[in-house]
Amino acid sequence: MIAAQARRSYASLTFNGANVTERIKNYITDVSYTDVCCGASDSISIKMYNADDKWLNAWYPTKGDVVKGGFLFVNWNQMDEKLMMNFGTLILDSIRATGGPSTMTIGAMAVPQDRSFKTRQRTKTWKSVSLQQIATEIAGRYGLSVQYNAKSHLVEELEQTDKTDSDFLYSTVKEYGLKMKVYNKKIVIFDMGRLEAKAPVRKITREDWINDGWDYDDELEGTYTGAIIGYKSDSGKDEIKVTVGNANEDSPKSRVLYVNTKCDSHAEAMEKGAAAVNEANEAMTKLKGTIWADPSIASGVTVTVEGLGKASGKYLIDKVTTDLGASATKQTIEMHKCYKRL
């Protein structure tokens, strides 16, 4: 068994390519890194002592600085072991100083340096193009690459009307049941079902929750067994209705989601209907709690929860907040239960 004092973790950081780990380590009091699976940006908050006012003078950071690094875990599971939890590339976007005692807190997010990704509105008609090709063209404007891990989707015609590239791409992939995240200079687009199907990285037992700190929520409201999708074809004026899953409106056991959207075919209507149901049902059963830090825990991985009765089972982690403080390194994890998808 490893002696408690042999285990340690610390933040390894570079600012604009310069390694500042040793220079600022005695100033750092807390580092909090939030890793999300999709729909938002990863972020980091670094709080530091500022008793000598260096952070308000010579060391004052600049918004737009490139922050890289991660948490380094030494002797965490065994002696002479080093594990790294990488933050990827983050852009410094907030600076906050307070007195009594004097501190400086800086925040950075995983967003492109070119802020027009989220601010400049564009209008364009996309024709006969795949979802991956749309993402690749948009990514190229901001010096980003694309990591696409999902079924290919062909888009016959799609309007981007007075929408930022960020909002347009997020909403488009969502319609097709996919997820998106900007991370480490990449636009990552993926199928949540493929992640849920992966083997769990570890078990989390009742004893793993710090001070038995967990919160379970199982909701029926807002979840569905099937969908009815209404759309109009280009050649006809009448609305076409397509059903997916258990969409029997007369059955007391069915909960039907009604979807109206633009579709080019019956198959696309079924895909978009199933996507809407699966998206809603991800919020059906959730679990949140705090554990001691584990470098294998990250957003998008699955775990097996044991010892919580009906709340036990396989979960996918949606969000991880890793907090490194003076006394301990902990993780607050938020996850949803894996169910069979339509």
Protein backbone atom coordinates (compact mmCIF):
# COMPACT_ATOMS: atom_id res chain seq x y z
CA MET A 1 0.00 0.00 0.00
CA ILE A 2 1.32 3.44 -0.97
CA ALA A 3 1.96 5.83 1.87
CA ALA A 4 -0.41 8.78 1.82
CA GLN A 5 2.43 11.29 1.53
CA ALA A 6 3.78 9.54 -1.60
CA ARG A 7 0.67 10.36 -3.61
CA ARG A 8 0.46 13.85 -4.98
CA SER A 9 -1.15 15.82 -7.77
CA TYR A 10 -0.43 19.23 -9.19
CA ALA A 11 -1.27 21.44 -12.16
CA SER A 12 1.26 21.49 -14.98
CA LEU A 13 0.72 24.67 -17.03
CA THR A 14 2.05 26.58 -20.01
CA PHE A 15 1.07 30.11 -21.02
CA ASN A 16 1.71 30.97 -24.68
CA GLY A 17 4.14 28.05 -24.89
CA ALA A 18 6.18 28.95 -21.79
CA ASN A 19 6.14 26.43 -18.96
CA VAL A 20 5.13 28.33 -15.82
CA THR A 21 4.56 25.34 -13.51
CA GLU A 22 7.48 25.94 -11.16
CA ARG A 23 7.22 29.70 -11.33
CA ILE A 24 3.64 29.92 -10.07
CA LYS A 25 3.16 26.69 -8.10
CA ASN A 26 3.58 28.41 -4.71
CA TYR A 27 0.96 30.99 -5.67
CA ILE A 28 -1.75 28.53 -6.70
CA THR A 29 -4.39 27.75 -4.08
CA ASP A 30 -7.08 26.02 -6.16
CA VAL A 31 -7.50 24.75 -9.70
CA SER A 32 -10.86 23.60 -11.02
CA TYR A 33 -11.17 21.93 -14.42
CA THR A 34 -14.60 21.24 -15.94
CA ASP A 35 -14.75 18.62 -18.69
CA VAL A 36 -18.09 18.34 -20.52
CA CYS A 37 -19.19 15.68 -22.94
CA CYS A 38 -21.04 17.99 -25.33
CA GLY A 39 -23.03 21.18 -25.74
CA ALA A 40 -20.61 23.47 -23.91
CA SER A 41 -16.90 24.27 -23.66
CA ASP A 42 -14.39 22.78 -21.27
CA SER A 43 -13.07 25.36 -18.85
CA ILE A 44 -10.50 25.93 -16.14
CA SER A 45 -10.37 28.30 -13.17
CA ILE A 46 -7.05 29.00 -11.43
CA LYS A 47 -7.04 30.84 -8.11
CA MET A 48 -3.79 32.29 -6.77
CA TYR A 49 -2.44 34.30 -3.87
CA ASN A 50 -1.63 37.89 -4.80
CA ALA A 51 -0.15 39.23 -1.56
CA ASP A 52 2.81 40.82 -3.37
CA ASP A 53 0.57 42.25 -6.13
CA LYS A 54 2.65 40.60 -8.87
CA TRP A 55 -0.52 39.42 -10.60
CA LEU A 56 -1.76 43.00 -10.77
CA ASN A 57 1.53 44.29 -12.16
CA ALA A 58 4.34 42.45 -13.97
CA TRP A 59 2.48 39.12 -14.09
CA TYR A 60 -0.88 40.50 -15.14
CA PRO A 61 -2.24 38.02 -17.71
CA THR A 62 -3.67 38.92 -21.10
CA LYS A 63 -7.08 37.88 -22.33
CA GLY A 64 -6.53 35.67 -25.34
CA ASP A 65 -3.43 33.97 -23.92
CA VAL A 66 -3.14 30.29 -24.85
CA VAL A 67 -3.24 28.04 -21.79
CA LYS A 68 -2.24 24.37 -22.00
CA GLY A 69 -1.44 21.64 -19.53
CA GLY A 70 -3.22 19.30 -17.19
CA PHE A 71 -3.24 17.62 -13.82
CA LEU A 72 -0.25 15.38 -13.18
CA PHE A 73 -0.89 12.50 -10.76
CA VAL A 74 2.25 11.00 -9.21
CA ASN A 75 2.32 7.59 -7.48
CA TRP A 76 -1.47 7.62 -7.69
CA ASN A 77 -2.16 3.90 -8.03
CA GLN A 78 1.35 2.55 -7.67
CA MET A 79 4.87 3.80 -7.02
CA ASP A 80 6.75 5.52 -9.85
CA GLU A 81 3.53 5.99 -11.80
CA LYS A 82 2.73 9.29 -13.53
CA LEU A 83 -0.70 9.91 -15.00
CA MET A 84 -1.77 13.03 -16.89
CA MET A 85 -5.24 14.50 -17.25
CA ASN A 86 -4.87 16.90 -20.16
CA PHE A 87 -6.85 20.14 -20.47
CA GLY A 88 -6.09 20.52 -24.16
CA THR A 89 -5.79 24.04 -25.56
CA LEU A 90 -7.70 26.75 -23.70
CA ILE A 91 -8.03 30.48 -24.28
CA LEU A 92 -7.78 32.80 -21.27
CA ASP A 93 -10.99 34.82 -21.20
CA SER A 94 -11.57 36.15 -17.66
CA ILE A 95 -9.51 37.85 -14.94
CA ARG A 96 -10.80 38.60 -11.46
CA ALA A 97 -8.90 40.15 -8.57
CA THR A 98 -10.15 40.56 -4.98
CA GLY A 99 -8.76 41.88 -1.74
CA GLY A 100 -8.82 40.76 1.89
CA PRO A 101 -6.80 38.56 1.30
CA SER A 102 -5.57 39.60 -2.13
CA THR A 103 -6.18 36.93 -4.76
CA MET A 104 -6.27 36.61 -8.54
CA THR A 105 -8.53 34.17 -10.39
CA ILE A 106 -8.13 33.55 -14.10
CA GLY A 107 -10.46 31.53 -16.29
CA ALA A 108 -9.91 29.90 -19.68
CA MET A 109 -12.19 28.05 -22.09
CA ALA A 110 -11.78 25.59 -24.97
CA VAL A 111 -12.91 27.96 -27.72
CA PRO A 112 -11.22 29.02 -30.97
CA GLN A 113 -8.98 32.08 -30.74
CA ASP A 114 -11.06 33.54 -33.57
CA ARG A 115 -14.16 34.56 -31.60
CA SER A 116 -16.23 35.06 -34.77
CA PHE A 117 -17.06 31.33 -34.50
CA LYS A 118 -19.55 32.38 -31.83
CA THR A 119 -20.25 35.98 -32.79
CA ARG A 120 -20.38 36.53 -36.56
CA GLN A 121 -23.75 35.75 -38.13
CA ARG A 122 -23.72 34.16 -41.56
CA THR A 123 -26.27 33.32 -44.25
CA LYS A 124 -25.62 30.45 -46.63
CA THR A 125 -27.50 27.73 -48.50
CA TRP A 126 -25.86 24.34 -48.20
CA LYS A 127 -26.69 21.88 -50.99
CA SER A 128 -25.85 18.21 -51.60
CA VAL A 129 -23.28 18.04 -48.85
CA SER A 130 -22.59 15.67 -45.97
CA LEU A 131 -22.77 16.71 -42.35
CA GLN A 132 -19.06 16.00 -42.05
CA GLN A 133 -18.31 18.25 -45.05
CA ILE A 134 -20.30 21.10 -43.48
CA ALA A 135 -18.31 20.71 -40.26
CA THR A 136 -15.00 20.55 -42.15
CA GLU A 137 -15.69 23.76 -44.10
CA ILE A 138 -16.72 25.63 -40.96
CA ALA A 139 -13.78 24.29 -38.97
CA GLY A 140 -11.36 25.42 -41.67
CA ARG A 141 -12.37 29.06 -41.14
CA TYR A 142 -11.02 28.93 -37.60
CA GLY A 143 -7.95 26.75 -37.98
CA LEU A 144 -9.70 23.75 -36.45
CA SER A 145 -9.76 20.11 -37.51
CA VAL A 146 -12.78 17.78 -37.40
CA GLN A 147 -13.06 14.48 -35.58
CA TYR A 148 -16.21 12.74 -36.83
CA ASN A 149 -17.37 9.50 -35.21
CA ALA A 150 -20.88 8.82 -36.43
CA LYS A 151 -22.94 7.59 -39.36
CA SER A 152 -22.63 9.71 -42.51
CA HIS A 153 -25.59 12.01 -43.18
CA LEU A 154 -26.23 13.59 -46.61
CA VAL A 155 -27.96 16.97 -46.53
CA GLU A 156 -29.81 17.80 -49.77
CA GLU A 157 -30.49 21.44 -48.87
CA LEU A 158 -30.12 23.40 -45.65
CA GLU A 159 -30.38 27.11 -44.88
CA GLN A 160 -28.05 28.89 -42.50
CA THR A 161 -29.87 32.18 -41.99
CA ASP A 162 -28.36 34.85 -39.76
CA LYS A 163 -26.77 32.24 -37.50
CA THR A 164 -23.27 32.01 -36.13
CA ASP A 165 -21.27 29.01 -37.31
CA SER A 166 -21.27 27.73 -33.72
CA ASP A 167 -25.05 27.88 -33.25
CA PHE A 168 -25.74 26.56 -36.75
CA LEU A 169 -23.45 23.55 -36.42
CA TYR A 170 -24.62 22.67 -32.90
CA SER A 171 -28.29 22.76 -33.91
CA THR A 172 -27.72 20.87 -37.17
CA VAL A 173 -25.87 17.93 -35.63
CA LYS A 174 -28.50 17.79 -32.87
CA GLU A 175 -31.29 17.34 -35.43
CA TYR A 176 -29.53 14.22 -36.66
CA GLY A 177 -29.13 12.83 -33.16
CA LEU A 178 -25.45 13.65 -32.87
CA LYS A 179 -23.42 15.56 -30.29
CA MET A 180 -20.72 18.16 -30.68
CA LYS A 181 -17.89 19.58 -28.65
CA VAL A 182 -15.01 21.96 -29.38
CA TYR A 183 -11.88 20.60 -27.74
CA ASN A 184 -8.15 21.01 -28.23
CA LYS A 185 -8.43 22.83 -31.58
CA LYS A 186 -10.90 20.26 -32.89
CA ILE A 187 -14.63 20.14 -33.60
CA VAL A 188 -15.63 16.73 -32.30
CA ILE A 189 -18.92 15.28 -33.61
CA PHE A 190 -20.08 11.92 -32.32
CA ASP A 191 -22.94 9.49 -31.76
CA MET A 192 -23.79 9.27 -28.04
CA GLY A 193 -25.07 5.72 -28.55
CA ARG A 194 -21.61 4.58 -29.62
CA LEU A 195 -20.12 6.00 -26.43
CA GLU A 196 -22.80 4.36 -24.28
CA ALA A 197 -21.98 1.00 -25.89
CA LYS A 198 -18.34 1.11 -24.77
CA ALA A 199 -17.11 -0.96 -21.84
CA PRO A 200 -17.04 0.77 -18.43
CA VAL A 201 -13.67 2.14 -17.34
CA ARG A 202 -14.32 1.28 -13.67
CA LYS A 203 -16.84 0.43 -10.97
CA ILE A 204 -18.08 3.03 -8.52
CA THR A 205 -19.34 1.47 -5.29
CA ARG A 206 -21.30 3.01 -2.43
CA GLU A 207 -18.05 3.41 -0.51
CA ASP A 208 -16.45 5.48 -3.29
CA TRP A 209 -18.75 8.47 -2.75
CA ILE A 210 -17.02 10.90 -0.38
CA ASN A 211 -19.11 11.18 2.79
CA ASP A 212 -21.82 9.21 0.95
CA GLY A 213 -22.32 12.32 -1.17
CA TRP A 214 -24.51 11.41 -4.14
CA ASP A 215 -27.83 12.53 -5.63
CA TYR A 216 -30.10 10.34 -7.80
CA ASP A 217 -32.97 11.63 -9.97
CA ASP A 218 -35.35 9.38 -11.93
CA GLU A 219 -38.02 11.26 -13.92
CA LEU A 220 -40.85 10.11 -16.18
CA GLU A 221 -41.99 13.61 -17.16
CA GLY A 222 -40.36 14.77 -20.39
CA THR A 223 -39.41 11.28 -21.58
CA TYR A 224 -40.95 9.37 -24.49
CA THR A 225 -41.55 5.91 -25.92
CA GLY A 226 -41.85 7.10 -29.51
CA ALA A 227 -42.47 10.00 -31.85
CA ILE A 228 -44.79 11.15 -34.61
CA ILE A 229 -42.97 13.26 -37.17
CA GLY A 230 -44.86 15.58 -39.49
CA TYR A 231 -43.23 16.99 -42.62
CA LYS A 232 -44.05 18.10 -46.16
CA SER A 233 -42.34 16.75 -49.23
CA ASP A 234 -41.10 19.08 -51.94
CA SER A 235 -43.65 17.72 -54.42
CA GLY A 236 -46.75 17.65 -52.23
CA LYS A 237 -48.81 20.05 -50.15
CA ASP A 238 -50.15 17.49 -47.69
CA GLU A 239 -48.29 16.78 -44.48
CA ILE A 240 -46.73 13.34 -44.24
CA LYS A 241 -46.73 11.62 -40.86
CA VAL A 242 -44.10 9.08 -39.84
CA THR A 243 -43.96 7.17 -36.56
CA VAL A 244 -40.97 5.74 -34.74
CA GLY A 245 -40.91 3.61 -31.58
CA ASN A 246 -44.08 3.10 -29.55
CA ALA A 247 -46.13 6.03 -30.82
CA ASN A 248 -49.60 4.57 -30.29
CA GLU A 249 -51.61 7.57 -29.14
CA ASP A 250 -54.34 5.33 -27.71
CA SER A 251 -52.03 3.26 -25.53
CA PRO A 252 -51.84 4.30 -21.86
CA LYS A 253 -48.22 3.10 -21.77
CA SER A 254 -47.00 5.24 -24.63
CA ARG A 255 -45.65 8.77 -24.28
CA VAL A 256 -45.56 10.37 -27.71
CA LEU A 257 -43.30 13.21 -28.81
CA TYR A 258 -44.64 15.29 -31.71
CA VAL A 259 -41.97 16.61 -34.06
CA ASN A 260 -42.35 19.05 -36.96
CA THR A 261 -39.20 19.50 -38.99
CA LYS A 262 -37.86 19.72 -42.52
CA CYS A 263 -37.13 16.31 -44.00
CA ASP A 264 -36.17 15.15 -47.47
CA SER A 265 -37.34 11.55 -47.09
CA HIS A 266 -39.22 9.05 -44.96
CA ALA A 267 -35.90 7.64 -43.72
CA GLU A 268 -34.66 11.07 -42.66
CA ALA A 269 -37.94 11.73 -40.81
CA MET A 270 -37.48 8.48 -38.85
CA GLU A 271 -33.88 9.40 -38.03
CA LYS A 272 -34.84 12.85 -36.77
CA GLY A 273 -37.78 11.49 -34.77
CA ALA A 274 -35.60 8.87 -33.08
CA ALA A 275 -32.96 11.53 -32.43
CA ALA A 276 -35.48 13.78 -30.66
CA VAL A 277 -36.71 10.92 -28.46
CA ASN A 278 -33.20 9.76 -27.56
CA GLU A 279 -32.16 13.32 -26.74
CA ALA A 280 -35.11 13.74 -24.36
CA ASN A 281 -34.61 10.35 -22.73
CA GLU A 282 -31.00 11.05 -21.82
CA ALA A 283 -32.37 13.19 -19.00
CA MET A 284 -34.57 10.39 -17.66
CA THR A 285 -32.25 8.97 -15.01
CA LYS A 286 -29.34 10.97 -13.63
CA LEU A 287 -26.78 10.52 -10.88
CA LYS A 288 -24.37 13.06 -9.43
CA GLY A 289 -21.79 12.79 -6.68
CA THR A 290 -18.25 13.41 -5.51
CA ILE A 291 -15.40 10.89 -5.51
CA TRP A 292 -11.64 11.06 -4.93
CA ALA A 293 -9.93 12.00 -8.18
CA ASP A 294 -9.38 9.24 -10.71
CA PRO A 295 -7.49 10.14 -13.93
CA SER A 296 -9.48 7.51 -15.86
CA ILE A 297 -12.72 9.40 -15.24
CA ALA A 298 -13.56 11.82 -18.06
CA SER A 299 -16.63 12.98 -19.90
CA GLY A 300 -17.83 10.46 -22.47
CA VAL A 301 -16.67 7.33 -20.64
CA THR A 302 -18.99 4.82 -19.02
CA VAL A 303 -18.89 3.46 -15.48
CA THR A 304 -20.76 0.78 -13.57
CA VAL A 305 -22.44 1.98 -10.38
CA GLU A 306 -22.97 -0.60 -7.64
CA GLY A 307 -24.51 -0.60 -4.18
CA LEU A 308 -27.36 1.85 -4.85
CA GLY A 309 -30.21 -0.61 -5.42
CA LYS A 310 -32.39 0.43 -8.37
CA ALA A 311 -30.06 3.36 -8.98
CA SER A 312 -27.23 0.94 -9.79
CA GLY A 313 -26.32 0.22 -13.40
CA LYS A 314 -24.30 1.48 -16.34
CA TYR A 315 -23.91 5.24 -16.72
CA LEU A 316 -22.27 7.60 -19.18
CA ILE A 317 -20.44 10.56 -17.68
CA ASP A 318 -21.72 13.89 -19.01
CA LYS A 319 -19.59 16.25 -16.93
CA VAL A 320 -16.58 16.03 -14.63
CA THR A 321 -15.33 18.85 -12.44
CA THR A 322 -11.89 18.08 -11.00
CA ASP A 323 -10.91 20.30 -8.06
CA LEU A 324 -7.30 20.42 -6.93
CA GLY A 325 -6.94 22.15 -3.56
CA ALA A 326 -4.42 22.31 -0.75
CA SER A 327 -5.73 19.23 1.03
CA ALA A 328 -7.17 16.91 -1.62
CA THR A 329 -8.09 16.37 -5.26
CA LYS A 330 -11.74 15.49 -5.83
CA GLN A 331 -14.10 15.00 -8.74
CA THR A 332 -17.76 15.84 -8.98
CA ILE A 333 -19.30 13.70 -11.70
CA GLU A 334 -22.66 14.08 -13.43
CA MET A 335 -23.95 11.18 -15.52
CA HIS A 336 -27.01 9.63 -17.14
CA LYS A 337 -28.12 6.03 -17.12
CA CYS A 338 -27.63 4.08 -20.34
CA TYR A 339 -30.89 2.83 -21.83
CA LYS A 340 -31.75 1.14 -25.10
CA ARG A 341 -32.02 3.79 -27.80
CA LEU A 342 -34.53 3.92 -30.66
